[in-house]
């Protein structure tokens, strides 16, 4: 399973990726707006941490997800525990 994580803290990028590896998932993390999220590809799930993201980046991510029919999981907090809960519900379902 492949994931795209939009938002979160820069210092937590490595921990997000390592947690996804424990669930046998590949993850790309975008904590900042870079070229409008052009190279997200075709992930199986988009995780959106809404507290640490600008409105412009949320809008860009949601329009990209909608055009490619990518499911979006939103979380207000960008903690490792929040990502773990999302992974538990989507990966182990």
Protein backbone atom coordinates (compact mmCIF):
# COMPACT_ATOMS: atom_id res chain seq x y z
CA UNK A 1 0.00 0.00 0.00
CA UNK A 2 1.28 3.47 -0.79
CA UNK A 3 0.51 6.63 1.16
CA UNK A 4 0.95 10.34 0.70
CA UNK A 5 1.12 12.34 3.91
CA UNK A 6 0.34 16.03 3.51
CA UNK A 7 1.22 18.27 6.43
CA UNK A 8 2.76 17.34 9.72
CA UNK A 9 5.99 18.46 11.31
CA UNK A 10 9.28 18.47 9.43
CA UNK A 11 11.10 16.89 12.36
CA UNK A 12 8.63 13.97 12.31
CA UNK A 13 9.08 13.01 8.64
CA UNK A 14 11.40 10.11 9.38
CA UNK A 15 9.12 8.79 12.13
CA UNK A 16 6.10 8.92 9.80
CA UNK A 17 7.99 6.91 7.18
CA UNK A 18 9.27 4.37 9.72
CA UNK A 19 5.78 3.85 11.15
CA UNK A 20 4.42 3.28 7.65
CA UNK A 21 7.16 0.70 7.02
CA UNK A 22 5.97 -1.23 10.08
CA UNK A 23 2.59 -1.52 8.34
CA UNK A 24 4.28 -2.55 5.05
CA UNK A 25 3.38 0.75 3.42
CA UNK A 26 5.42 3.12 1.30
CA UNK A 27 5.04 6.77 2.21
CA UNK A 28 5.83 10.16 0.72
CA UNK A 29 5.69 13.09 3.13
CA UNK A 30 5.00 16.68 2.05
CA UNK A 31 5.27 19.11 4.94
CA UNK A 32 5.63 22.17 2.73
CA UNK A 33 4.05 23.34 -0.49
CA UNK A 34 6.37 22.34 -3.30
CA UNK A 35 5.32 22.89 -6.92
CA UNK A 36 1.69 22.28 -6.02
CA UNK A 37 2.17 18.63 -5.02
CA UNK A 38 2.71 17.64 -8.65
CA UNK A 39 4.53 14.36 -8.10
CA UNK A 40 2.21 12.56 -5.67
CA UNK A 41 1.58 9.76 -8.15
CA UNK A 42 -1.29 7.29 -7.59
CA UNK A 43 -1.26 6.43 -3.87
CA UNK A 44 -3.81 4.17 -2.24
CA UNK A 45 -4.49 6.70 0.54
CA UNK A 46 -3.82 10.36 1.27
CA UNK A 47 -3.38 11.36 4.91
CA UNK A 48 -4.07 15.03 5.55
CA UNK A 49 -2.90 16.61 8.81
CA UNK A 50 -5.11 19.70 8.80
CA UNK A 51 -3.65 21.59 11.76
CA UNK A 52 -0.18 22.10 10.29
CA UNK A 53 -1.14 22.85 6.68
CA UNK A 54 -2.13 26.06 4.94
CA UNK A 55 -5.57 26.37 3.38
CA UNK A 56 -3.98 26.62 -0.06
CA UNK A 57 -2.15 23.34 0.42
CA UNK A 58 -5.31 21.60 1.67
CA UNK A 59 -7.25 22.80 -1.36
CA UNK A 60 -4.50 21.68 -3.73
CA UNK A 61 -4.25 18.25 -2.09
CA UNK A 62 -8.01 17.69 -2.10
CA UNK A 63 -8.43 18.66 -5.75
CA UNK A 64 -5.60 16.31 -6.70
CA UNK A 65 -7.12 13.49 -4.66
CA UNK A 66 -10.57 14.07 -6.11
CA UNK A 67 -9.35 14.04 -9.70
CA UNK A 68 -7.55 10.69 -9.16
CA UNK A 69 -10.20 9.09 -6.87
CA UNK A 70 -7.79 8.80 -3.95
CA UNK A 71 -9.39 8.28 -0.52
CA UNK A 72 -8.47 10.95 2.02
CA UNK A 73 -8.05 10.44 5.77
CA UNK A 74 -8.04 13.68 7.75
CA UNK A 75 -6.64 14.26 11.19
CA UNK A 76 -6.48 17.52 13.10
CA UNK A 77 -3.37 16.50 15.00
CA UNK A 78 -0.12 15.51 13.32
CA UNK A 79 1.13 13.12 15.98
CA UNK A 80 2.55 9.66 15.49
CA UNK A 81 -0.41 8.23 17.41
CA UNK A 82 -2.86 9.90 15.03
CA UNK A 83 -1.07 8.36 12.05
CA UNK A 84 -1.07 4.98 13.81
CA UNK A 85 -4.86 5.18 14.29
CA UNK A 86 -5.33 6.00 10.62
CA UNK A 87 -3.10 3.13 9.56
CA UNK A 88 -4.92 0.75 11.89
CA UNK A 89 -8.27 1.62 10.36
CA UNK A 90 -7.21 1.65 6.69
CA UNK A 91 -4.44 -0.92 6.40
CA UNK A 92 -5.76 -3.60 8.73
CA UNK A 93 -9.36 -3.23 7.53
